[in-house]
Amino acid sequence: MSSDNQFLRSGCPIVNGLDIFGDKWTLVIIRDLVCGKETYSELADSPEKIPTNRLAERLKMLEAENMLVKELYQSKPKRYKYVLTTKGRDILPILQDIAKWGNNYVEGTWIPLEWFMEAT
């Protein structure tokens, strides 16, 4: 939870988790980072076409929540990559369960790669 408890509506862990990653873009960003994307342009190029203003907003929120770190990889011009922290990587089982559910109940969904489903 963020240090200022800005999202704390109750003591329910589900409510608090959803306050952080319950919008329609945050888990997509985390999925892409798990799958090896690192830069803003790589994340913006996802098939879901996240609006760039939303991407920037979500990356800042994930950084503030200590779910990712922004690392400088080029100084002129400044370029950054985004790397999941342990807190961010710990969402992977949730993504795997959502993928399993979607494959079981949403016709036409693609099967995630084996490494993704087996990663820990």
PDB file of N, CA and C in Angstrom:
ATOM      1  N   MET A   1       0.851  -1.179   0.000  1.00  0.00           N
ATOM      2  CA  MET A   1       0.000   0.000   0.000  1.00  0.00           C
ATOM      3  C   MET A   1       0.889   1.232   0.000  1.00  0.00           C
ATOM      4  N   SER A   2       0.453   2.254  -0.687  1.00  0.00           N
ATOM      5  CA  SER A   2       1.233   3.487  -0.727  1.00  0.00           C
ATOM      6  C   SER A   2       1.328   4.073   0.680  1.00  0.00           C
ATOM      7  N   SER A   3       2.391   4.807   0.913  1.00  0.00           N
ATOM      8  CA  SER A   3       2.651   5.310   2.258  1.00  0.00           C
ATOM      9  C   SER A   3       1.578   6.276   2.748  1.00  0.00           C
ATOM     10  N   ASP A   4       0.898   6.964   1.848  1.00  0.00           N
ATOM     11  CA  ASP A   4      -0.123   7.909   2.299  1.00  0.00           C
ATOM     12  C   ASP A   4      -1.513   7.275   2.370  1.00  0.00           C
ATOM     13  N   ASN A   5      -1.604   5.982   2.102  1.00  0.00           N
ATOM     14  CA  ASN A   5      -2.870   5.244   2.180  1.00  0.00           C
ATOM     15  C   ASN A   5      -3.991   5.908   1.385  1.00  0.00           C
ATOM     16  N   GLN A   6      -3.661   6.519   0.251  1.00  0.00           N
ATOM     17  CA  GLN A   6      -4.660   7.226  -0.534  1.00  0.00           C
ATOM     18  C   GLN A   6      -5.770   6.315  -1.045  1.00  0.00           C
ATOM     19  N   PHE A   7      -5.505   5.010  -1.152  1.00  0.00           N
ATOM     20  CA  PHE A   7      -6.511   4.106  -1.684  1.00  0.00           C
ATOM     21  C   PHE A   7      -7.275   3.366  -0.591  1.00  0.00           C
ATOM     22  N   LEU A   8      -6.880   3.491   0.652  1.00  0.00           N
ATOM     23  CA  LEU A   8      -7.438   2.690   1.720  1.00  0.00           C
ATOM     24  C   LEU A   8      -8.895   3.076   1.989  1.00  0.00           C
ATOM     25  N   ARG A   9      -9.813   2.259   1.432  1.00  0.00           N
ATOM     26  CA  ARG A   9     -11.244   2.474   1.669  1.00  0.00           C
ATOM     27  C   ARG A   9     -11.748   1.596   2.792  1.00  0.00           C
ATOM     28  N   SER A  10     -11.086   0.467   2.981  1.00  0.00           N
ATOM     29  CA  SER A  10     -11.459  -0.459   4.038  1.00  0.00           C
ATOM     30  C   SER A  10     -10.272  -1.375   4.276  1.00  0.00           C
ATOM     31  N   GLY A  11     -10.423  -2.295   5.205  1.00  0.00           N
ATOM     32  CA  GLY A  11      -9.368  -3.254   5.473  1.00  0.00           C
ATOM     33  C   GLY A  11      -9.410  -4.460   4.557  1.00  0.00           C
ATOM     34  N   CYS A  12     -10.342  -4.505   3.629  1.00  0.00           N
ATOM     35  CA  CYS A  12     -10.496  -5.661   2.738  1.00  0.00           C
ATOM     36  C   CYS A  12      -9.334  -5.732   1.755  1.00  0.00           C
ATOM     37  N   PRO A  13      -8.580  -6.848   1.727  1.00  0.00           N
ATOM     38  CA  PRO A  13      -7.452  -6.945   0.809  1.00  0.00           C
ATOM     39  C   PRO A  13      -7.877  -6.951  -0.657  1.00  0.00           C
ATOM     40  N   ILE A  14      -9.051  -7.436  -0.967  1.00  0.00           N
ATOM     41  CA  ILE A  14      -9.528  -7.443  -2.357  1.00  0.00           C
ATOM     42  C   ILE A  14      -9.790  -6.013  -2.818  1.00  0.00           C
ATOM     43  N   VAL A  15     -10.474  -5.247  -1.994  1.00  0.00           N
ATOM     44  CA  VAL A  15     -10.758  -3.848  -2.329  1.00  0.00           C
ATOM     45  C   VAL A  15      -9.463  -3.084  -2.539  1.00  0.00           C
ATOM     46  N   ASN A  16      -8.505  -3.261  -1.631  1.00  0.00           N
ATOM     47  CA  ASN A  16      -7.254  -2.524  -1.729  1.00  0.00           C
ATOM     48  C   ASN A  16      -6.424  -2.966  -2.927  1.00  0.00           C
ATOM     49  N   GLY A  17      -6.411  -4.256  -3.225  1.00  0.00           N
ATOM     50  CA  GLY A  17      -5.728  -4.723  -4.431  1.00  0.00           C
ATOM     51  C   GLY A  17      -6.362  -4.142  -5.680  1.00  0.00           C
ATOM     52  N   LEU A  18      -7.685  -4.155  -5.737  1.00  0.00           N
ATOM     53  CA  LEU A  18      -8.372  -3.617  -6.911  1.00  0.00           C
ATOM     54  C   LEU A  18      -8.173  -2.114  -7.053  1.00  0.00           C
ATOM     55  N   ASP A  19      -8.021  -1.410  -5.946  1.00  0.00           N
ATOM     56  CA  ASP A  19      -7.736   0.029  -6.023  1.00  0.00           C
ATOM     57  C   ASP A  19      -6.402   0.283  -6.716  1.00  0.00           C
ATOM     58  N   ILE A  20      -5.482  -0.658  -6.618  1.00  0.00           N
ATOM     59  CA  ILE A  20      -4.179  -0.495  -7.253  1.00  0.00           C
ATOM     60  C   ILE A  20      -4.178  -1.045  -8.674  1.00  0.00           C
ATOM     61  N   PHE A  21      -4.662  -2.270  -8.892  1.00  0.00           N
ATOM     62  CA  PHE A  21      -4.530  -2.872 -10.227  1.00  0.00           C
ATOM     63  C   PHE A  21      -5.857  -3.285 -10.852  1.00  0.00           C
ATOM     64  N   GLY A  22      -6.953  -2.680 -10.417  1.00  0.00           N
ATOM     65  CA  GLY A  22      -8.257  -3.089 -10.907  1.00  0.00           C
ATOM     66  C   GLY A  22      -8.790  -2.323 -12.103  1.00  0.00           C
ATOM     67  N   ASP A  23      -8.028  -1.416 -12.673  1.00  0.00           N
ATOM     68  CA  ASP A  23      -8.499  -0.713 -13.871  1.00  0.00           C
ATOM     69  C   ASP A  23      -8.213  -1.575 -15.108  1.00  0.00           C
ATOM     70  N   LYS A  24      -8.613  -1.123 -16.266  1.00  0.00           N
ATOM     71  CA  LYS A  24      -8.486  -1.961 -17.461  1.00  0.00           C
ATOM     72  C   LYS A  24      -7.097  -1.974 -18.080  1.00  0.00           C
ATOM     73  N   TRP A  25      -6.148  -1.184 -17.578  1.00  0.00           N
ATOM     74  CA  TRP A  25      -4.821  -1.123 -18.205  1.00  0.00           C
ATOM     75  C   TRP A  25      -3.679  -1.657 -17.355  1.00  0.00           C
ATOM     76  N   THR A  26      -3.764  -1.562 -16.049  1.00  0.00           N
ATOM     77  CA  THR A  26      -2.622  -1.873 -15.200  1.00  0.00           C
ATOM     78  C   THR A  26      -2.140  -3.305 -15.361  1.00  0.00           C
ATOM     79  N   LEU A  27      -3.036  -4.271 -15.364  1.00  0.00           N
ATOM     80  CA  LEU A  27      -2.606  -5.665 -15.517  1.00  0.00           C
ATOM     81  C   LEU A  27      -2.058  -5.943 -16.914  1.00  0.00           C
ATOM     82  N   VAL A  28      -2.527  -5.206 -17.911  1.00  0.00           N
ATOM     83  CA  VAL A  28      -1.971  -5.344 -19.265  1.00  0.00           C
ATOM     84  C   VAL A  28      -0.520  -4.871 -19.273  1.00  0.00           C
ATOM     85  N   ILE A  29      -0.255  -3.761 -18.600  1.00  0.00           N
ATOM     86  CA  ILE A  29       1.123  -3.250 -18.507  1.00  0.00           C
ATOM     87  C   ILE A  29       2.006  -4.260 -17.774  1.00  0.00           C
ATOM     88  N   ILE A  30       1.512  -4.790 -16.672  1.00  0.00           N
ATOM     89  CA  ILE A  30       2.292  -5.778 -15.921  1.00  0.00           C
ATOM     90  C   ILE A  30       2.513  -7.028 -16.769  1.00  0.00           C
ATOM     91  N   ARG A  31       1.494  -7.473 -17.491  1.00  0.00           N
ATOM     92  CA  ARG A  31       1.645  -8.621 -18.399  1.00  0.00           C
ATOM     93  C   ARG A  31       2.774  -8.368 -19.389  1.00  0.00           C
ATOM     94  N   ASP A  32       2.769  -7.185 -19.992  1.00  0.00           N
ATOM     95  CA  ASP A  32       3.789  -6.864 -20.990  1.00  0.00           C
ATOM     96  C   ASP A  32       5.184  -6.803 -20.388  1.00  0.00           C
ATOM     97  N   LEU A  33       5.299  -6.284 -19.174  1.00  0.00           N
ATOM     98  CA  LEU A  33       6.602  -6.253 -18.507  1.00  0.00           C
ATOM     99  C   LEU A  33       7.074  -7.668 -18.187  1.00  0.00           C
ATOM    100  N   VAL A  34       6.169  -8.520 -17.739  1.00  0.00           N
ATOM    101  CA  VAL A  34       6.517  -9.926 -17.489  1.00  0.00           C
ATOM    102  C   VAL A  34       6.993 -10.576 -18.774  1.00  0.00           C
ATOM    103  N   CYS A  35       6.365 -10.212 -19.889  1.00  0.00           N
ATOM    104  CA  CYS A  35       6.684 -10.826 -21.189  1.00  0.00           C
ATOM    105  C   CYS A  35       7.909 -10.209 -21.857  1.00  0.00           C
ATOM    106  N   GLY A  36       8.596  -9.303 -21.194  1.00  0.00           N
ATOM    107  CA  GLY A  36       9.870  -8.812 -21.703  1.00  0.00           C
ATOM    108  C   GLY A  36       9.896  -7.410 -22.268  1.00  0.00           C
ATOM    109  N   LYS A  37       8.756  -6.748 -22.349  1.00  0.00           N
ATOM    110  CA  LYS A  37       8.779  -5.357 -22.791  1.00  0.00           C
ATOM    111  C   LYS A  37       9.386  -4.524 -21.681  1.00  0.00           C
ATOM    112  N   GLU A  38      10.139  -3.490 -22.065  1.00  0.00           N
ATOM    113  CA  GLU A  38      10.811  -2.671 -21.061  1.00  0.00           C
ATOM    114  C   GLU A  38      10.618  -1.176 -21.264  1.00  0.00           C
ATOM    115  N   THR A  39      10.506  -0.739 -22.499  1.00  0.00           N
ATOM    116  CA  THR A  39      10.492   0.694 -22.767  1.00  0.00           C
ATOM    117  C   THR A  39       9.063   1.207 -22.970  1.00  0.00           C
ATOM    118  N   TYR A  40       8.943   2.521 -22.851  1.00  0.00           N
ATOM    119  CA  TYR A  40       7.644   3.165 -23.046  1.00  0.00           C
ATOM    120  C   TYR A  40       7.086   2.835 -24.428  1.00  0.00           C
ATOM    121  N   SER A  41       7.930   2.933 -25.461  1.00  0.00           N
ATOM    122  CA  SER A  41       7.441   2.678 -26.817  1.00  0.00           C
ATOM    123  C   SER A  41       7.026   1.220 -27.001  1.00  0.00           C
ATOM    124  N   GLU A  42       7.745   0.291 -26.387  1.00  0.00           N
ATOM    125  CA  GLU A  42       7.341  -1.118 -26.464  1.00  0.00           C
ATOM    126  C   GLU A  42       5.989  -1.322 -25.784  1.00  0.00           C
ATOM    127  N   LEU A  43       5.793  -0.700 -24.644  1.00  0.00           N
ATOM    128  CA  LEU A  43       4.524  -0.830 -23.932  1.00  0.00           C
ATOM    129  C   LEU A  43       3.389  -0.165 -24.709  1.00  0.00           C
ATOM    130  N   ALA A  44       3.665   0.967 -25.323  1.00  0.00           N
ATOM    131  CA  ALA A  44       2.643   1.677 -26.108  1.00  0.00           C
ATOM    132  C   ALA A  44       2.255   0.904 -27.359  1.00  0.00           C
ATOM    133  N   ASP A  45       3.129   0.016 -27.810  1.00  0.00           N
ATOM    134  CA  ASP A  45       2.896  -0.739 -29.039  1.00  0.00           C
ATOM    135  C   ASP A  45       2.134  -2.040 -28.814  1.00  0.00           C
ATOM    136  N   SER A  46       1.584  -2.253 -27.642  1.00  0.00           N
ATOM    137  CA  SER A  46       0.818  -3.472 -27.372  1.00  0.00           C
ATOM    138  C   SER A  46      -0.429  -3.519 -28.244  1.00  0.00           C
ATOM    139  N   PRO A  47      -0.909  -4.718 -28.538  1.00  0.00           N
ATOM    140  CA  PRO A  47      -2.085  -4.832 -29.419  1.00  0.00           C
ATOM    141  C   PRO A  47      -3.338  -4.161 -28.862  1.00  0.00           C
ATOM    142  N   GLU A  48      -3.398  -3.972 -27.550  1.00  0.00           N
ATOM    143  CA  GLU A  48      -4.575  -3.333 -26.950  1.00  0.00           C
ATOM    144  C   GLU A  48      -4.598  -1.832 -27.161  1.00  0.00           C
ATOM    145  N   LYS A  49      -3.486  -1.257 -27.619  1.00  0.00           N
ATOM    146  CA  LYS A  49      -3.382   0.177 -27.948  1.00  0.00           C
ATOM    147  C   LYS A  49      -3.794   1.073 -26.786  1.00  0.00           C
ATOM    148  N   ILE A  50      -3.089   0.928 -25.674  1.00  0.00           N
ATOM    149  CA  ILE A  50      -3.340   1.791 -24.520  1.00  0.00           C
ATOM    150  C   ILE A  50      -3.057   3.239 -24.907  1.00  0.00           C
ATOM    151  N   PRO A  51      -3.959   4.151 -24.604  1.00  0.00           N
ATOM    152  CA  PRO A  51      -3.692   5.563 -24.885  1.00  0.00           C
ATOM    153  C   PRO A  51      -2.432   6.012 -24.134  1.00  0.00           C
ATOM    154  N   THR A  52      -1.606   6.803 -24.775  1.00  0.00           N
ATOM    155  CA  THR A  52      -0.320   7.169 -24.189  1.00  0.00           C
ATOM    156  C   THR A  52      -0.465   7.945 -22.882  1.00  0.00           C
ATOM    157  N   ASN A  53      -1.517   8.761 -22.758  1.00  0.00           N
ATOM    158  CA  ASN A  53      -1.712   9.477 -21.492  1.00  0.00           C
ATOM    159  C   ASN A  53      -2.032   8.502 -20.359  1.00  0.00           C
ATOM    160  N   ARG A  54      -2.791   7.450 -20.656  1.00  0.00           N
ATOM    161  CA  ARG A  54      -3.098   6.425 -19.651  1.00  0.00           C
ATOM    162  C   ARG A  54      -1.856   5.617 -19.302  1.00  0.00           C
ATOM    163  N   LEU A  55      -1.063   5.287 -20.317  1.00  0.00           N
ATOM    164  CA  LEU A  55       0.166   4.533 -20.082  1.00  0.00           C
ATOM    165  C   LEU A  55       1.079   5.314 -19.135  1.00  0.00           C
ATOM    166  N   ALA A  56       1.292   6.579 -19.419  1.00  0.00           N
ATOM    167  CA  ALA A  56       2.156   7.400 -18.568  1.00  0.00           C
ATOM    168  C   ALA A  56       1.603   7.470 -17.145  1.00  0.00           C
ATOM    169  N   GLU A  57       0.303   7.648 -17.025  1.00  0.00           N
ATOM    170  CA  GLU A  57      -0.349   7.723 -15.718  1.00  0.00           C
ATOM    171  C   GLU A  57      -0.180   6.419 -14.942  1.00  0.00           C
ATOM    172  N   ARG A  58      -0.412   5.293 -15.597  1.00  0.00           N
ATOM    173  CA  ARG A  58      -0.312   3.991 -14.922  1.00  0.00           C
ATOM    174  C   ARG A  58       1.130   3.659 -14.545  1.00  0.00           C
ATOM    175  N   LEU A  59       2.082   4.006 -15.401  1.00  0.00           N
ATOM    176  CA  LEU A  59       3.487   3.759 -15.072  1.00  0.00           C
ATOM    177  C   LEU A  59       3.888   4.559 -13.835  1.00  0.00           C
ATOM    178  N   LYS A  60       3.451   5.806 -13.747  1.00  0.00           N
ATOM    179  CA  LYS A  60       3.752   6.624 -12.568  1.00  0.00           C
ATOM    180  C   LYS A  60       3.116   6.022 -11.317  1.00  0.00           C
ATOM    181  N   MET A  61       1.884   5.552 -11.436  1.00  0.00           N
ATOM    182  CA  MET A  61       1.201   4.952 -10.296  1.00  0.00           C
ATOM    183  C   MET A  61       1.907   3.673  -9.868  1.00  0.00           C
ATOM    184  N   LEU A  62       2.290   2.828 -10.832  1.00  0.00           N
ATOM    185  CA  LEU A  62       2.985   1.584 -10.497  1.00  0.00           C
ATOM    186  C   LEU A  62       4.337   1.870  -9.840  1.00  0.00           C
ATOM    187  N   GLU A  63       5.007   2.902 -10.289  1.00  0.00           N
ATOM    188  CA  GLU A  63       6.264   3.289  -9.664  1.00  0.00           C
ATOM    189  C   GLU A  63       6.017   3.800  -8.239  1.00  0.00           C
ATOM    190  N   ALA A  64       4.994   4.621  -8.049  1.00  0.00           N
ATOM    191  CA  ALA A  64       4.661   5.141  -6.719  1.00  0.00           C
ATOM    192  C   ALA A  64       4.276   4.020  -5.761  1.00  0.00           C
ATOM    193  N   GLU A  65       3.677   2.976  -6.290  1.00  0.00           N
ATOM    194  CA  GLU A  65       3.281   1.819  -5.477  1.00  0.00           C
ATOM    195  C   GLU A  65       4.420   0.814  -5.308  1.00  0.00           C
ATOM    196  N   ASN A  66       5.610   1.158  -5.806  1.00  0.00           N
ATOM    197  CA  ASN A  66       6.789   0.278  -5.720  1.00  0.00           C
ATOM    198  C   ASN A  66       6.572  -1.072  -6.397  1.00  0.00           C
ATOM    199  N   MET A  67       5.802  -1.051  -7.489  1.00  0.00           N
ATOM    200  CA  MET A  67       5.577  -2.266  -8.259  1.00  0.00           C
ATOM    201  C   MET A  67       6.532  -2.343  -9.444  1.00  0.00           C
ATOM    202  N   LEU A  68       7.126  -1.211  -9.792  1.00  0.00           N
ATOM    203  CA  LEU A  68       8.157  -1.185 -10.816  1.00  0.00           C
ATOM    204  C   LEU A  68       9.134  -0.078 -10.501  1.00  0.00           C
ATOM    205  N   VAL A  69      10.303  -0.178 -11.116  1.00  0.00           N
ATOM    206  CA  VAL A  69      11.282   0.903 -11.023  1.00  0.00           C
ATOM    207  C   VAL A  69      11.584   1.380 -12.431  1.00  0.00           C
ATOM    208  N   LYS A  70      11.859   2.650 -12.518  1.00  0.00           N
ATOM    209  CA  LYS A  70      12.206   3.308 -13.779  1.00  0.00           C
ATOM    210  C   LYS A  70      13.715   3.481 -13.771  1.00  0.00           C
ATOM    211  N   GLU A  71      14.395   2.838 -14.739  1.00  0.00           N
ATOM    212  CA  GLU A  71      15.854   2.865 -14.775  1.00  0.00           C
ATOM    213  C   GLU A  71      16.342   3.571 -16.032  1.00  0.00           C
ATOM    214  N   LEU A  72      17.258   4.509 -15.846  1.00  0.00           N
ATOM    215  CA  LEU A  72      17.877   5.210 -16.968  1.00  0.00           C
ATOM    216  C   LEU A  72      18.803   4.236 -17.697  1.00  0.00           C
ATOM    217  N   TYR A  73      18.606   4.071 -19.016  1.00  0.00           N
ATOM    218  CA  TYR A  73      19.517   3.207 -19.781  1.00  0.00           C
ATOM    219  C   TYR A  73      20.269   3.974 -20.859  1.00  0.00           C
ATOM    220  N   GLN A  74      19.902   5.236 -21.065  1.00  0.00           N
ATOM    221  CA  GLN A  74      20.599   6.087 -22.034  1.00  0.00           C
ATOM    222  C   GLN A  74      20.500   7.516 -21.523  1.00  0.00           C
ATOM    223  N   SER A  75      21.633   8.231 -21.545  1.00  0.00           N
ATOM    224  CA  SER A  75      21.608   9.572 -20.954  1.00  0.00           C
ATOM    225  C   SER A  75      21.352  10.693 -21.957  1.00  0.00           C
ATOM    226  N   LYS A  76      21.742  10.521 -23.223  1.00  0.00           N
ATOM    227  CA  LYS A  76      21.519  11.578 -24.226  1.00  0.00           C
ATOM    228  C   LYS A  76      20.953  10.978 -25.500  1.00  0.00           C
ATOM    229  N   PRO A  77      19.689  11.189 -25.784  1.00  0.00           N
ATOM    230  CA  PRO A  77      18.673  11.754 -24.898  1.00  0.00           C
ATOM    231  C   PRO A  77      18.336  10.759 -23.790  1.00  0.00           C
ATOM    232  N   LYS A  78      17.733  11.270 -22.726  1.00  0.00           N
ATOM    233  CA  LYS A  78      17.372  10.400 -21.611  1.00  0.00           C
ATOM    234  C   LYS A  78      16.322   9.394 -22.047  1.00  0.00           C
ATOM    235  N   ARG A  79      16.621   8.147 -21.786  1.00  0.00           N
ATOM    236  CA  ARG A  79      15.681   7.064 -22.078  1.00  0.00           C
ATOM    237  C   ARG A  79      15.646   6.130 -20.878  1.00  0.00           C
ATOM    238  N   TYR A  80      14.445   5.671 -20.586  1.00  0.00           N
ATOM    239  CA  TYR A  80      14.236   4.842 -19.405  1.00  0.00           C
ATOM    240  C   TYR A  80      13.648   3.497 -19.793  1.00  0.00           C
ATOM    241  N   LYS A  81      13.900   2.516 -18.939  1.00  0.00           N
ATOM    242  CA  LYS A  81      13.215   1.235 -19.055  1.00  0.00           C
ATOM    243  C   LYS A  81      12.495   0.995 -17.738  1.00  0.00           C
ATOM    244  N   TYR A  82      11.496   0.162 -17.789  1.00  0.00           N
ATOM    245  CA  TYR A  82      10.675  -0.136 -16.633  1.00  0.00           C
ATOM    246  C   TYR A  82      10.884  -1.592 -16.254  1.00  0.00           C
ATOM    247  N   VAL A  83      11.152  -1.822 -14.970  1.00  0.00           N
ATOM    248  CA  VAL A  83      11.457  -3.153 -14.478  1.00  0.00           C
ATOM    249  C   VAL A  83      10.565  -3.444 -13.275  1.00  0.00           C
ATOM    250  N   LEU A  84       9.894  -4.590 -13.301  1.00  0.00           N
ATOM    251  CA  LEU A  84       9.044  -4.970 -12.179  1.00  0.00           C
ATOM    252  C   LEU A  84       9.885  -5.254 -10.937  1.00  0.00           C
ATOM    253  N   THR A  85       9.374  -4.844  -9.815  1.00  0.00           N
ATOM    254  CA  THR A  85       9.961  -5.196  -8.527  1.00  0.00           C
ATOM    255  C   THR A  85       9.371  -6.543  -8.097  1.00  0.00           C
ATOM    256  N   THR A  86       9.821  -7.043  -6.984  1.00  0.00           N
ATOM    257  CA  THR A  86       9.229  -8.280  -6.448  1.00  0.00           C
ATOM    258  C   THR A  86       7.733  -8.090  -6.228  1.00  0.00           C
ATOM    259  N   LYS A  87       7.351  -6.952  -5.715  1.00  0.00           N
ATOM    260  CA  LYS A  87       5.925  -6.661  -5.492  1.00  0.00           C
ATOM    261  C   LYS A  87       5.142  -6.723  -6.801  1.00  0.00           C
ATOM    262  N   GLY A  88       5.711  -6.194  -7.869  1.00  0.00           N
ATOM    263  CA  GLY A  88       5.053  -6.251  -9.176  1.00  0.00           C
ATOM    264  C   GLY A  88       5.028  -7.655  -9.751  1.00  0.00           C
ATOM    265  N   ARG A  89       6.134  -8.381  -9.639  1.00  0.00           N
ATOM    266  CA  ARG A  89       6.205  -9.754 -10.161  1.00  0.00           C
ATOM    267  C   ARG A  89       5.275 -10.700  -9.417  1.00  0.00           C
ATOM    268  N   ASP A  90       4.985 -10.378  -8.168  1.00  0.00           N
ATOM    269  CA  ASP A  90       4.112 -11.244  -7.378  1.00  0.00           C
ATOM    270  C   ASP A  90       2.665 -11.232  -7.863  1.00  0.00           C
ATOM    271  N   ILE A  91       2.342 -10.409  -8.844  1.00  0.00           N
ATOM    272  CA  ILE A  91       1.003 -10.417  -9.438  1.00  0.00           C
ATOM    273  C   ILE A  91       0.888 -11.499 -10.523  1.00  0.00           C
ATOM    274  N   LEU A  92       2.003 -12.086 -10.931  1.00  0.00           N
ATOM    275  CA  LEU A  92       1.977 -13.092 -11.990  1.00  0.00           C
ATOM    276  C   LEU A  92       0.966 -14.217 -11.746  1.00  0.00           C
ATOM    277  N   PRO A  93       0.864 -14.800 -10.558  1.00  0.00           N
ATOM    278  CA  PRO A  93      -0.150 -15.855 -10.375  1.00  0.00           C
ATOM    279  C   PRO A  93      -1.580 -15.373 -10.635  1.00  0.00           C
ATOM    280  N   ILE A  94      -1.841 -14.101 -10.340  1.00  0.00           N
ATOM    281  CA  ILE A  94      -3.166 -13.539 -10.628  1.00  0.00           C
ATOM    282  C   ILE A  94      -3.378 -13.501 -12.141  1.00  0.00           C
ATOM    283  N   LEU A  95      -2.364 -13.052 -12.886  1.00  0.00           N
ATOM    284  CA  LEU A  95      -2.467 -13.015 -14.349  1.00  0.00           C
ATOM    285  C   LEU A  95      -2.661 -14.430 -14.912  1.00  0.00           C
ATOM    286  N   GLN A  96      -1.942 -15.395 -14.373  1.00  0.00           N
ATOM    287  CA  GLN A  96      -2.077 -16.771 -14.839  1.00  0.00           C
ATOM    288  C   GLN A  96      -3.483 -17.296 -14.587  1.00  0.00           C
ATOM    289  N   ASP A  97      -4.034 -17.001 -13.424  1.00  0.00           N
ATOM    290  CA  ASP A  97      -5.402 -17.457 -13.128  1.00  0.00           C
ATOM    291  C   ASP A  97      -6.437 -16.754 -14.006  1.00  0.00           C
ATOM    292  N   ILE A  98      -6.245 -15.478 -14.270  1.00  0.00           N
ATOM    293  CA  ILE A  98      -7.164 -14.770 -15.171  1.00  0.00           C
ATOM    294  C   ILE A  98      -7.085 -15.385 -16.571  1.00  0.00           C
ATOM    295  N   ALA A  99      -5.866 -15.703 -17.025  1.00  0.00           N
ATOM    296  CA  ALA A  99      -5.702 -16.325 -18.344  1.00  0.00           C
ATOM    297  C   ALA A  99      -6.406 -17.674 -18.396  1.00  0.00           C
ATOM    298  N   LYS A 100      -6.243 -18.491 -17.359  1.00  0.00           N
ATOM    299  CA  LYS A 100      -6.925 -19.798 -17.317  1.00  0.00           C
ATOM    300  C   LYS A 100      -8.430 -19.614 -17.366  1.00  0.00           C
ATOM    301  N   TRP A 101      -8.945 -18.691 -16.580  1.00  0.00           N
ATOM    302  CA  TRP A 101     -10.372 -18.432 -16.561  1.00  0.00           C
ATOM    303  C   TRP A 101     -10.851 -17.984 -17.941  1.00  0.00           C
ATOM    304  N   GLY A 102     -10.124 -17.026 -18.542  1.00  0.00           N
ATOM    305  CA  GLY A 102     -10.492 -16.536 -19.867  1.00  0.00           C
ATOM    306  C   GLY A 102     -10.480 -17.646 -20.911  1.00  0.00           C
ATOM    307  N   ASN A 103      -9.475 -18.517 -20.875  1.00  0.00           N
ATOM    308  CA  ASN A 103      -9.422 -19.635 -21.823  1.00  0.00           C
ATOM    309  C   ASN A 103     -10.598 -20.585 -21.625  1.00  0.00           C
ATOM    310  N   ASN A 104     -11.039 -20.759 -20.393  1.00  0.00           N
ATOM    311  CA  ASN A 104     -12.162 -21.657 -20.119  1.00  0.00           C
ATOM    312  C   ASN A 104     -13.518 -21.060 -20.479  1.00  0.00           C
ATOM    313  N   TYR A 105     -13.656 -19.743 -20.369  1.00  0.00           N
ATOM    314  CA  TYR A 105     -14.988 -19.149 -20.463  1.00  0.00           C
ATOM    315  C   TYR A 105     -15.173 -18.089 -21.538  1.00  0.00           C
ATOM    316  N   VAL A 106     -14.109 -17.675 -22.199  1.00  0.00           N
ATOM    317  CA  VAL A 106     -14.244 -16.649 -23.233  1.00  0.00           C
ATOM    318  C   VAL A 106     -13.774 -17.249 -24.550  1.00  0.00           C
ATOM    319  N   GLU A 107     -14.724 -17.526 -25.413  1.00  0.00           N
ATOM    320  CA  GLU A 107     -14.418 -18.166 -26.695  1.00  0.00           C
ATOM    321  C   GLU A 107     -13.497 -17.283 -27.540  1.00  0.00           C
ATOM    322  N   GLY A 108     -12.510 -17.918 -28.152  1.00  0.00           N
ATOM    323  CA  GLY A 108     -11.611 -17.228 -29.060  1.00  0.00           C
ATOM    324  C   GLY A 108     -10.377 -16.636 -28.410  1.00  0.00           C
ATOM    325  N   THR A 109     -10.215 -16.809 -27.100  1.00  0.00           N
ATOM    326  CA  THR A 109      -9.005 -16.272 -26.464  1.00  0.00           C
ATOM    327  C   THR A 109      -7.817 -17.152 -26.814  1.00  0.00           C
ATOM    328  N   TRP A 110      -6.644 -16.526 -26.978  1.00  0.00           N
ATOM    329  CA  TRP A 110      -5.455 -17.298 -27.327  1.00  0.00           C
ATOM    330  C   TRP A 110      -4.849 -17.904 -26.070  1.00  0.00           C
ATOM    331  N   ILE A 111      -4.185 -19.011 -26.273  1.00  0.00           N
ATOM    332  CA  ILE A 111      -3.537 -19.724 -25.172  1.00  0.00           C
ATOM    333  C   ILE A 111      -2.181 -19.064 -24.909  1.00  0.00           C
ATOM    334  N   PRO A 112      -1.943 -18.620 -23.675  1.00  0.00           N
ATOM    335  CA  PRO A 112      -0.635 -18.026 -23.366  1.00  0.00           C
ATOM    336  C   PRO A 112       0.487 -19.045 -23.568  1.00  0.00           C
ATOM    337  N   LEU A 113       1.661 -18.531 -23.840  1.00  0.00           N
ATOM    338  CA  LEU A 113       2.815 -19.401 -24.014  1.00  0.00           C
ATOM    339  C   LEU A 113       3.066 -20.197 -22.730  1.00  0.00           C
ATOM    340  N   GLU A 114       3.591 -21.391 -22.898  1.00  0.00           N
ATOM    341  CA  GLU A 114       3.815 -22.296 -21.771  1.00  0.00           C
ATOM    342  C   GLU A 114       4.699 -21.660 -20.697  1.00  0.00           C
ATOM    343  N   TRP A 115       5.765 -20.963 -21.121  1.00  0.00           N
ATOM    344  CA  TRP A 115       6.675 -20.370 -20.136  1.00  0.00           C
ATOM    345  C   TRP A 115       5.949 -19.366 -19.251  1.00  0.00           C
ATOM    346  N   PHE A 116       4.982 -18.637 -19.842  1.00  0.00           N
ATOM    347  CA  PHE A 116       4.234 -17.641 -19.076  1.00  0.00           C
ATOM    348  C   PHE A 116       3.383 -18.330 -18.014  1.00  0.00           C
ATOM    349  N   MET A 117       2.726 -19.407 -18.410  1.00  0.00           N
ATOM    350  CA  MET A 117       1.833 -20.109 -17.481  1.00  0.00           C
ATOM    351  C   MET A 117       2.591 -20.874 -16.407  1.00  0.00           C
ATOM    352  N   GLU A 118       3.848 -21.197 -16.670  1.00  0.00           N
ATOM    353  CA  GLU A 118       4.647 -21.969 -15.707  1.00  0.00           C
ATOM    354  C   GLU A 118       5.594 -21.097 -14.892  1.00  0.00           C
ATOM    355  N   ALA A 119       5.731 -19.839 -15.264  1.00  0.00           N
ATOM    356  CA  ALA A 119       6.640 -18.949 -14.554  1.00  0.00           C
ATOM    357  C   ALA A 119       6.170 -18.741 -13.116  1.00  0.00           C
ATOM    358  N   THR A 120       7.122 -18.508 -12.248  1.00  0.00           N
ATOM    359  CA  THR A 120       6.766 -18.248 -10.850  1.00  0.00           C
ATOM    360  C   THR A 120       7.425 -16.986 -10.367  1.00  0.00           C
TER     361      THR A 120
END
